[in-house]
Amino acid sequence: MKEIRIGLLGLGTVGSGVVKLLRKNEDLLFSRVGVPLVLKKAADIDVSRAKALDLTDDIFTRNATEVVNDPAIDIVLELIGGQSVAKELILRAIKNGKHVVSANKALLANQGRSLFKAANDSGIDLAFEPSVGGCMPIIKLIRESLVANRINRISGILNGTCNYILSKITEENISFEAALAQAQANGFAEADPTMDIEGFDTAHKLAILNSLAYGMTINFQDIYIEGISKITPADIRFADQFGYRIKLLAISKKKEDAVETRVHPTMIPIQNILSSVKGSLNAVTVTGDAVGDILLSGHGAGMIPTASAVISDIVDIARNLLNGIKRRVPLLSFQTDYVREIPVVPMKEISSHYYIRFAASDRPGVLSKISGILGNHNISIKSVQQKGRKLEGTVPIVMLTHMANEAAIQEALSEITRLDVIDNQPALIRIEDEARKD
């Protein structure tokens, strides 16, 4: 082959970044691949995007099917997002014998089973490094570098929008709403930020990582998801007093023949390196039985960082093509016959330490009522703070528990909320602190 010909679907932020990076580092890429990486066709419905990139008429098209049907194209890049059209185009590309690179974590998390089956049946490479963690090579790390390891745990910050918001609340003592407004003004959050702030984007990424780490079928629907919209400056301050930071964490743990997998705001010790990851950065820790903990950190989104991940997949596929091979690495790390259904531990069965904040009436006996109900549910209190009247007649009561069962916590809080001395729903944040053995 004298060149590797690329078809690009979508000239948005990432697609534009791919065009720019292919041009900027053309000589470097040639020296690493051995032949030119040539953009043969690029499709987008917005003509202005093509003009901004100086794409000629022979390259640009508004018809995406021209790209996937072009017999001269070797690799198709799906960077349009969404699920219905993107899925249809990927399947068409696979049917036409083209290898595919996708950054579409929502599509892979929700419909990846059918896409990976189609790719496997056709002997096609479907690469997806840019779908998780932007420029962090987390997929290559798990799929290739850690193949000798049984993965025991994944814990990470996988959404830059949420990390930016929580960092702003921490640093500036502002409300969630004010921090979100700053994130939107600075381009870190969409006009509709629901997918980010309610944890769905993080869960999409975790579903992909779970499959790679444990050889399980993609399980997005089984992941417990809770967002950050209820986090207040008061919770941030109390966390600091106890020696913690609050982060939206993706957490998965191997539990014998099951997997515990969840996304929610989490208190982690200030000494934990993830607590120092600020702004829009991402970071993830992978724990293997041979290597222990490995940390990756970097930009989880953005034009050029994500384009870097796209091009890394292009180069992997290009090298395979030039050597007359394909599917050198199984798509989901494990050989197809060894990817299986692995049960997910129900959320009610997990155990954790907990932070609970009550808004209680300022009268005698309140604390004893709350602690009594917790005790009835076998929940032991590690520490209590009761100070700082915020509203007339109401004080915050903040508790940290010893290790407790999730179902018991939820039952106890439901009972406590019905007390006439409790105002509003209690705030509940789970704590991940490996140093605590209680």
Protein backbone atom coordinates (compact mmCIF):
# COMPACT_ATOMS: atom_id res chain seq x y z
CA MET A 1 0.00 0.00 0.00
CA LYS A 2 1.31 3.43 -0.92
CA GLU A 3 -1.00 5.31 1.45
CA ILE A 4 -3.73 4.82 4.05
CA ARG A 5 -6.92 6.56 2.99
CA ILE A 6 -9.22 7.96 5.64
CA GLY A 7 -12.91 8.84 5.54
CA LEU A 8 -14.12 11.26 8.19
CA LEU A 9 -17.72 11.54 9.43
CA GLY A 10 -18.25 14.78 11.34
CA LEU A 11 -16.29 18.03 11.33
CA GLY A 12 -17.24 19.17 14.81
CA THR A 13 -14.73 19.81 17.57
CA VAL A 14 -13.00 16.43 17.41
CA GLY A 15 -13.29 15.98 13.65
CA SER A 16 -11.79 19.41 13.03
CA GLY A 17 -9.01 18.58 15.45
CA VAL A 18 -8.22 15.39 13.53
CA VAL A 19 -7.89 17.34 10.25
CA LYS A 20 -5.62 19.90 11.91
CA LEU A 21 -3.42 17.33 13.64
CA LEU A 22 -3.06 15.20 10.50
CA ARG A 23 -1.79 18.30 8.70
CA LYS A 24 0.38 19.63 11.52
CA ASN A 25 2.20 16.36 12.18
CA GLU A 26 2.09 14.93 8.66
CA ASP A 27 5.86 14.32 8.50
CA LEU A 28 5.98 12.84 12.00
CA LEU A 29 3.15 10.43 11.22
CA PHE A 30 4.82 9.40 7.95
CA SER A 31 8.01 8.59 9.82
CA ARG A 32 6.09 6.41 12.26
CA VAL A 33 3.79 4.67 9.81
CA GLY A 34 5.89 4.53 6.65
CA VAL A 35 3.22 5.77 4.25
CA PRO A 36 1.09 8.94 4.16
CA LEU A 37 -2.20 9.11 6.09
CA VAL A 38 -4.46 10.76 3.52
CA LEU A 39 -7.84 12.35 4.22
CA LYS A 40 -9.80 11.07 1.23
CA LYS A 41 -13.32 12.18 2.17
CA ALA A 42 -14.91 14.24 4.96
CA ALA A 43 -18.65 14.59 5.54
CA ASP A 44 -20.66 17.12 7.54
CA ILE A 45 -24.00 18.85 7.04
CA ASP A 46 -22.43 22.23 7.89
CA VAL A 47 -20.56 23.60 4.88
CA SER A 48 -19.01 26.39 6.98
CA ARG A 49 -16.97 23.83 8.91
CA ALA A 50 -15.38 22.60 5.69
CA LYS A 51 -14.62 26.16 4.62
CA ALA A 52 -13.00 26.91 7.98
CA LEU A 53 -10.66 23.96 7.37
CA ASP A 54 -10.02 24.82 3.70
CA LEU A 55 -11.30 21.43 2.56
CA THR A 56 -11.56 21.20 -1.22
CA ASP A 57 -14.70 20.11 -3.06
CA ASP A 58 -13.19 16.76 -3.98
CA ILE A 59 -12.74 15.95 -0.28
CA PHE A 60 -15.79 17.52 1.36
CA THR A 61 -19.31 16.14 1.03
CA ARG A 62 -22.60 16.68 2.81
CA ASN A 63 -23.55 13.06 2.13
CA ALA A 64 -22.12 10.69 4.77
CA THR A 65 -22.95 7.58 2.75
CA GLU A 66 -20.44 8.70 0.13
CA VAL A 67 -17.75 8.18 2.75
CA VAL A 68 -18.77 4.72 3.94
CA ASN A 69 -19.44 3.52 0.37
CA ASP A 70 -16.22 4.85 -1.17
CA PRO A 71 -14.20 1.75 -2.21
CA ALA A 72 -10.94 3.67 -1.95
CA ILE A 73 -11.29 4.37 1.78
CA ASP A 74 -9.51 2.07 4.25
CA ILE A 75 -10.53 3.55 7.62
CA VAL A 76 -13.75 5.40 8.55
CA LEU A 77 -13.77 7.78 11.52
CA GLU A 78 -17.19 8.11 13.17
CA LEU A 79 -17.12 11.45 15.01
CA ILE A 80 -20.69 12.66 14.57
CA GLY A 81 -22.10 11.51 17.92
CA GLY A 82 -25.67 10.44 18.54
CA GLN A 83 -26.82 6.87 18.22
CA SER A 84 -29.22 6.10 15.36
CA VAL A 85 -27.42 7.62 12.35
CA ALA A 86 -23.98 6.87 13.77
CA LYS A 87 -24.85 3.21 14.31
CA GLU A 88 -26.24 2.87 10.81
CA LEU A 89 -23.11 4.40 9.27
CA ILE A 90 -20.74 2.23 11.30
CA LEU A 91 -22.62 -0.92 10.32
CA ARG A 92 -22.55 0.15 6.67
CA ALA A 93 -18.81 0.78 6.86
CA ILE A 94 -18.23 -2.63 8.46
CA LYS A 95 -20.35 -4.32 5.79
CA ASN A 96 -18.22 -2.61 3.15
CA GLY A 97 -15.05 -4.01 4.72
CA LYS A 98 -13.78 -0.77 6.23
CA HIS A 99 -12.13 -0.52 9.61
CA VAL A 100 -13.72 1.99 11.98
CA VAL A 101 -12.56 4.39 14.69
CA SER A 102 -15.26 5.84 16.96
CA ALA A 103 -15.28 8.36 19.80
CA ASN A 104 -18.95 7.65 20.49
CA LYS A 105 -19.06 6.39 24.10
CA ALA A 106 -22.86 6.66 24.38
CA LEU A 107 -23.35 4.52 21.29
CA LEU A 108 -20.79 1.94 22.39
CA ALA A 109 -22.18 1.76 25.93
CA ASN A 110 -25.80 1.40 24.81
CA GLN A 111 -25.47 -0.56 21.55
CA GLY A 112 -21.92 -1.82 21.57
CA ARG A 113 -22.93 -5.47 21.69
CA SER A 114 -24.39 -5.41 18.18
CA LEU A 115 -21.57 -3.25 16.81
CA PHE A 116 -18.79 -5.41 18.19
CA LYS A 117 -20.60 -8.55 17.01
CA ALA A 118 -20.81 -7.13 13.48
CA ALA A 119 -17.12 -6.22 13.55
CA ASN A 120 -16.15 -9.63 14.92
CA ASP A 121 -18.25 -11.48 12.35
CA SER A 122 -16.67 -9.45 9.53
CA GLY A 123 -13.10 -9.58 10.80
CA ILE A 124 -13.04 -5.80 11.02
CA ASP A 125 -11.21 -3.62 13.55
CA LEU A 126 -13.49 -1.29 15.53
CA ALA A 127 -11.22 0.98 17.57
CA PHE A 128 -12.45 3.36 20.26
CA GLU A 129 -9.57 4.85 22.26
CA PRO A 130 -11.05 8.41 22.05
CA SER A 131 -14.33 7.27 23.60
CA VAL A 132 -12.92 7.20 27.15
CA GLY A 133 -10.63 9.73 28.78
CA GLY A 134 -9.75 11.87 25.78
CA CYS A 135 -5.98 11.74 25.33
CA MET A 136 -5.40 9.27 28.20
CA PRO A 137 -4.51 5.86 26.68
CA ILE A 138 -6.68 4.01 29.18
CA ILE A 139 -8.11 1.55 26.65
CA LYS A 140 -4.69 0.59 25.28
CA LEU A 141 -3.41 0.29 28.85
CA ILE A 142 -6.07 -2.25 29.83
CA ARG A 143 -6.36 -4.04 26.51
CA GLU A 144 -2.64 -4.46 25.85
CA SER A 145 -0.25 -3.31 28.58
CA LEU A 146 -2.02 -5.05 31.47
CA VAL A 147 -2.90 -8.34 29.77
CA ALA A 148 -0.95 -10.31 32.41
CA ASN A 149 -3.04 -8.77 35.21
CA ARG A 150 -6.33 -9.62 36.78
CA ILE A 151 -7.89 -6.18 37.15
CA ASN A 152 -9.26 -5.78 40.67
CA ARG A 153 -10.44 -2.18 40.62
CA ILE A 154 -10.95 0.92 38.48
CA SER A 155 -11.49 4.30 40.11
CA GLY A 156 -11.46 7.55 38.23
CA ILE A 157 -12.57 11.04 37.33
CA LEU A 158 -13.91 10.62 33.81
CA ASN A 159 -15.87 13.81 33.21
CA GLY A 160 -14.10 17.16 32.96
CA THR A 161 -17.30 19.19 33.28
CA CYS A 162 -18.12 17.74 36.68
CA ASN A 163 -14.55 18.02 37.88
CA TYR A 164 -14.43 21.67 36.81
CA ILE A 165 -17.68 22.43 38.66
CA LEU A 166 -16.62 20.67 41.87
CA SER A 167 -13.21 22.39 41.71
CA LYS A 168 -14.91 25.80 41.41
CA ILE A 169 -17.23 25.12 44.36
CA THR A 170 -14.20 24.03 46.42
CA GLU A 171 -11.92 26.92 45.47
CA GLU A 172 -14.43 29.78 45.37
CA ASN A 173 -17.10 28.64 47.86
CA ILE A 174 -19.84 29.26 45.28
CA SER A 175 -23.07 27.39 44.63
CA PHE A 176 -23.45 24.52 42.19
CA GLU A 177 -25.54 26.78 39.94
CA ALA A 178 -22.88 29.50 39.86
CA ALA A 179 -20.13 26.97 39.14
CA LEU A 180 -22.19 25.43 36.33
CA ALA A 181 -22.72 28.89 34.81
CA GLN A 182 -18.94 29.43 34.83
CA ALA A 183 -18.41 26.04 33.19
CA GLN A 184 -20.88 26.93 30.45
CA ALA A 185 -19.38 30.38 29.93
CA ASN A 186 -15.90 28.87 29.56
CA GLY A 187 -17.00 26.11 27.18
CA PHE A 188 -16.62 23.23 29.64
CA ALA A 189 -20.36 22.49 29.83
CA GLU A 190 -23.09 22.21 27.21
CA ALA A 191 -26.17 24.41 27.20
CA ASP A 192 -27.99 21.27 28.39
CA PRO A 193 -25.45 19.73 30.79
CA THR A 194 -27.64 16.84 31.94
CA MET A 195 -25.54 14.01 30.47
CA ASP A 196 -22.48 15.33 32.30
CA ILE A 197 -23.74 16.57 35.65
CA GLU A 198 -26.13 13.67 36.25
CA GLY A 199 -23.36 11.12 35.71
CA PHE A 200 -24.51 9.47 32.48
CA ASP A 201 -21.41 10.41 30.47
CA THR A 202 -19.17 8.95 33.16
CA ALA A 203 -21.26 5.76 33.29
CA HIS A 204 -21.00 5.32 29.50
CA LYS A 205 -17.22 5.34 29.85
CA LEU A 206 -17.24 3.03 32.86
CA ALA A 207 -19.38 0.49 30.98
CA ILE A 208 -16.70 0.31 28.28
CA LEU A 209 -13.87 -0.03 30.81
CA ASN A 210 -15.73 -2.76 32.72
CA SER A 211 -15.93 -4.87 29.58
CA LEU A 212 -12.23 -4.47 28.83
CA ALA A 213 -11.15 -5.08 32.42
CA TYR A 214 -13.26 -8.10 33.32
CA GLY A 215 -14.27 -9.73 30.03
CA MET A 216 -17.92 -8.91 30.63
CA THR A 217 -20.54 -7.89 28.11
CA ILE A 218 -21.14 -4.14 28.09
CA ASN A 219 -23.46 -3.37 30.99
CA PHE A 220 -24.40 0.33 31.02
CA GLN A 221 -27.97 -0.41 32.18
CA ASP A 222 -26.64 -2.13 35.32
CA ILE A 223 -24.48 0.76 36.55
CA TYR A 224 -25.75 2.77 39.52
CA ILE A 225 -25.69 6.46 38.54
CA GLU A 226 -25.95 9.58 40.69
CA GLY A 227 -24.91 13.10 39.65
CA ILE A 228 -23.45 16.13 41.39
CA SER A 229 -26.33 18.63 41.19
CA LYS A 230 -27.14 18.29 44.91
CA ILE A 231 -23.60 19.00 46.15
CA THR A 232 -23.46 22.23 48.19
CA PRO A 233 -20.60 24.44 49.43
CA ALA A 234 -21.51 23.27 52.93
CA ASP A 235 -20.79 19.65 51.97
CA ILE A 236 -17.48 20.72 50.44
CA ARG A 237 -16.51 22.55 53.66
CA PHE A 238 -17.49 19.67 55.92
CA ALA A 239 -15.58 17.25 53.69
CA ASP A 240 -12.49 19.42 54.06
CA GLN A 241 -12.85 19.42 57.85
CA PHE A 242 -12.86 15.62 57.82
CA GLY A 243 -9.83 15.49 55.48
CA TYR A 244 -11.69 14.69 52.25
CA ARG A 245 -12.38 16.11 48.79
CA ILE A 246 -15.58 15.44 46.84
CA LYS A 247 -15.23 14.07 43.30
CA LEU A 248 -17.61 12.44 40.87
CA LEU A 249 -16.02 9.00 40.69
CA ALA A 250 -16.48 6.04 38.39
CA ILE A 251 -15.88 2.99 40.57
CA SER A 252 -15.76 -0.69 39.68
CA LYS A 253 -14.47 -3.54 41.82
CA LYS A 254 -14.17 -7.23 41.05
CA LYS A 255 -16.00 -9.26 43.68
CA GLU A 256 -15.26 -12.96 43.08
CA ASP A 257 -17.59 -13.75 40.14
CA ALA A 258 -19.45 -10.43 40.19
CA VAL A 259 -18.63 -6.77 39.64
CA GLU A 260 -19.53 -3.78 41.80
CA THR A 261 -19.96 -0.81 39.47
CA ARG A 262 -21.23 2.67 40.26
CA VAL A 263 -20.96 6.39 39.51
CA HIS A 264 -21.67 8.98 42.22
CA PRO A 265 -20.19 11.89 44.20
CA THR A 266 -17.56 10.43 46.49
CA MET A 267 -15.45 11.68 49.36
CA ILE A 268 -11.82 10.65 49.00
CA PRO A 269 -8.90 11.45 51.33
CA ILE A 270 -6.92 14.58 50.57
CA GLN A 271 -3.84 12.30 50.41
CA ASN A 272 -5.41 10.37 47.51
CA ILE A 273 -3.78 11.61 44.32
CA LEU A 274 -7.19 11.83 42.61
CA SER A 275 -8.17 14.55 45.10
CA SER A 276 -5.56 16.87 43.59
CA VAL A 277 -6.91 16.53 40.02
CA LYS A 278 -8.48 19.92 39.39
CA GLY A 279 -10.32 21.82 36.70
CA SER A 280 -11.35 19.93 33.58
CA LEU A 281 -8.65 17.26 33.87
CA ASN A 282 -9.48 13.56 34.03
CA ALA A 283 -7.61 10.85 35.94
CA VAL A 284 -8.11 7.14 36.50
CA THR A 285 -6.44 4.53 38.68
CA VAL A 286 -6.36 0.90 37.53
CA THR A 287 -5.36 -1.78 40.02
CA GLY A 288 -3.91 -5.05 38.75
CA ASP A 289 -2.78 -8.07 40.73
CA ALA A 290 0.73 -7.91 39.24
CA VAL A 291 1.35 -4.17 38.94
CA GLY A 292 -0.63 -2.67 41.81
CA ASP A 293 -1.99 0.82 41.11
CA ILE A 294 -1.36 2.64 37.84
CA LEU A 295 -2.50 6.24 37.40
CA LEU A 296 -3.28 8.02 34.14
CA SER A 297 -4.14 11.71 34.03
CA GLY A 298 -4.79 14.15 31.20
CA HIS A 299 -7.33 16.13 29.24
CA GLY A 300 -10.50 14.09 28.96
CA ALA A 301 -11.92 16.19 26.16
CA GLY A 302 -11.00 19.01 23.82
CA MET A 303 -10.20 19.33 20.15
CA ILE A 304 -6.54 18.35 19.93
CA PRO A 305 -6.22 15.99 22.94
CA THR A 306 -9.11 13.84 21.69
CA ALA A 307 -7.86 14.07 18.10
CA SER A 308 -4.57 12.63 19.39
CA ALA A 309 -6.44 9.53 20.61
CA VAL A 310 -8.28 9.20 17.28
CA ILE A 311 -5.03 9.28 15.34
CA SER A 312 -3.43 6.72 17.67
CA ASP A 313 -6.20 4.30 16.61
CA ILE A 314 -5.70 5.22 12.95
CA VAL A 315 -2.00 4.42 13.23
CA ASP A 316 -2.64 1.08 14.96
CA ILE A 317 -4.99 0.01 12.16
CA ALA A 318 -2.67 1.41 9.47
CA ARG A 319 0.25 -0.63 10.78
CA ASN A 320 -1.90 -3.75 10.69
CA LEU A 321 -2.96 -3.06 7.11
CA LEU A 322 0.61 -2.46 5.98
CA ASN A 323 1.64 -5.81 7.46
CA GLY A 324 -1.30 -7.66 5.94
CA ILE A 325 -2.92 -8.43 9.27
CA LYS A 326 -6.05 -7.42 11.14
CA ARG A 327 -7.61 -8.01 14.51
CA ARG A 328 -4.19 -8.41 16.12
CA VAL A 329 -5.76 -7.41 19.43
CA PRO A 330 -9.28 -8.62 20.37
CA LEU A 331 -11.75 -5.73 20.23
CA LEU A 332 -12.71 -6.02 23.89
CA SER A 333 -9.34 -7.35 25.11
CA PHE A 334 -10.66 -10.89 25.66
CA GLN A 335 -11.14 -13.47 22.93
CA THR A 336 -14.78 -13.46 21.81
CA ASP A 337 -15.61 -16.85 23.36
CA TYR A 338 -14.43 -15.56 26.75
CA VAL A 339 -16.55 -12.39 26.86
CA ARG A 340 -19.48 -13.34 29.07
CA GLU A 341 -22.34 -12.10 31.20
CA ILE A 342 -20.98 -11.28 34.65
CA PRO A 343 -23.50 -10.33 37.33
CA VAL A 344 -23.41 -6.84 38.82
CA VAL A 345 -23.67 -6.49 42.59
CA PRO A 346 -27.00 -4.72 43.34
CA MET A 347 -26.42 -1.29 44.83
CA LYS A 348 -28.39 -2.19 47.95
CA GLU A 349 -25.84 -4.90 48.72
CA ILE A 350 -22.69 -2.76 48.65
CA SER A 351 -20.97 -1.60 51.83
CA SER A 352 -19.32 1.76 52.32
CA HIS A 353 -18.53 4.51 54.79
CA TYR A 354 -21.02 7.37 54.62
CA TYR A 355 -21.24 11.10 55.18
CA ILE A 356 -24.75 12.23 56.18
CA ARG A 357 -25.90 15.80 56.75
CA PHE A 358 -29.24 16.52 58.39
CA ALA A 359 -31.04 19.85 58.73
CA ALA A 360 -32.59 19.43 62.17
CA SER A 361 -34.69 21.44 64.58
CA ASP A 362 -32.64 23.16 67.27
CA ARG A 363 -34.14 21.39 70.26
CA PRO A 364 -33.03 18.77 72.82
CA GLY A 365 -33.15 15.08 71.97
CA VAL A 366 -32.80 15.37 68.20
CA LEU A 367 -29.40 13.75 68.03
CA SER A 368 -30.48 10.84 70.20
CA LYS A 369 -33.50 10.19 67.94
CA ILE A 370 -31.33 10.12 64.83
CA SER A 371 -28.60 7.96 66.37
CA GLY A 372 -31.21 5.61 67.80
CA ILE A 373 -32.72 4.92 64.37
CA LEU A 374 -29.27 4.43 62.86
CA GLY A 375 -28.40 2.00 65.66
CA ASN A 376 -31.61 0.04 65.04
CA HIS A 377 -30.36 -0.53 61.49
CA ASN A 378 -26.89 -1.66 62.68
CA ILE A 379 -25.26 1.58 61.54
CA SER A 380 -22.43 2.71 63.79
CA ILE A 381 -21.48 6.41 63.99
CA LYS A 382 -17.79 7.26 63.76
CA SER A 383 -18.04 11.01 64.38
CA VAL A 384 -20.65 13.76 64.73
CA GLN A 385 -20.58 17.53 64.25
CA GLN A 386 -23.50 19.67 65.40
CA LYS A 387 -22.77 23.36 65.01
CA GLY A 388 -23.22 26.45 62.88
CA ARG A 389 -26.87 27.51 62.84
CA LYS A 390 -27.76 28.22 59.20
CA LEU A 391 -31.48 29.05 59.50
CA GLU A 392 -33.48 30.16 62.51
CA GLY A 393 -34.45 27.05 64.44
CA THR A 394 -32.44 24.68 62.20
CA VAL A 395 -28.89 23.37 62.62
CA PRO A 396 -26.81 21.03 60.50
CA ILE A 397 -25.98 17.68 62.06
CA VAL A 398 -23.16 15.96 60.19
CA MET A 399 -22.21 12.33 60.74
CA LEU A 400 -19.60 9.96 59.41
CA THR A 401 -20.46 6.27 59.73
CA HIS A 402 -18.37 3.19 60.09
CA MET A 403 -18.72 0.62 57.31
CA ALA A 404 -22.42 0.10 56.66
CA ASN A 405 -24.76 -1.60 54.22
CA GLU A 406 -26.38 0.58 51.54
CA ALA A 407 -29.86 -0.91 52.01
CA ALA A 408 -29.68 -0.31 55.77
CA ILE A 409 -28.58 3.30 55.22
CA GLN A 410 -31.42 3.99 52.82
CA GLU A 411 -34.00 2.41 55.14
CA ALA A 412 -32.70 4.39 58.13
CA LEU A 413 -32.73 7.69 56.22
CA SER A 414 -36.26 7.05 55.03
CA GLU A 415 -37.33 6.58 58.65
CA ILE A 416 -35.36 9.60 59.90
CA THR A 417 -36.78 11.85 57.19
CA ARG A 418 -40.27 11.22 58.54
CA LEU A 419 -39.35 12.68 61.95
CA ASP A 420 -40.96 16.05 62.64
CA VAL A 421 -37.56 17.40 63.77
CA ILE A 422 -35.96 16.89 60.33
CA ASP A 423 -36.27 19.53 57.63
CA ASN A 424 -35.59 18.51 54.00
CA GLN A 425 -34.01 15.36 52.61
CA PRO A 426 -30.69 14.47 54.25
CA ALA A 427 -27.54 14.79 52.14
CA LEU A 428 -25.76 11.47 51.61
CA ILE A 429 -22.27 11.04 50.15
CA ARG A 430 -20.35 7.77 50.06
CA ILE A 431 -16.73 7.66 51.22
CA GLU A 432 -13.93 5.67 49.58
CA ASP A 433 -11.06 5.56 52.06
CA GLU A 434 -8.85 2.50 51.86
CA ALA A 435 -6.96 3.53 55.00
CA ARG A 436 -10.09 3.08 57.09
CA LYS A 437 -10.56 -0.53 58.18
CA ASP A 438 -13.55 0.05 60.48
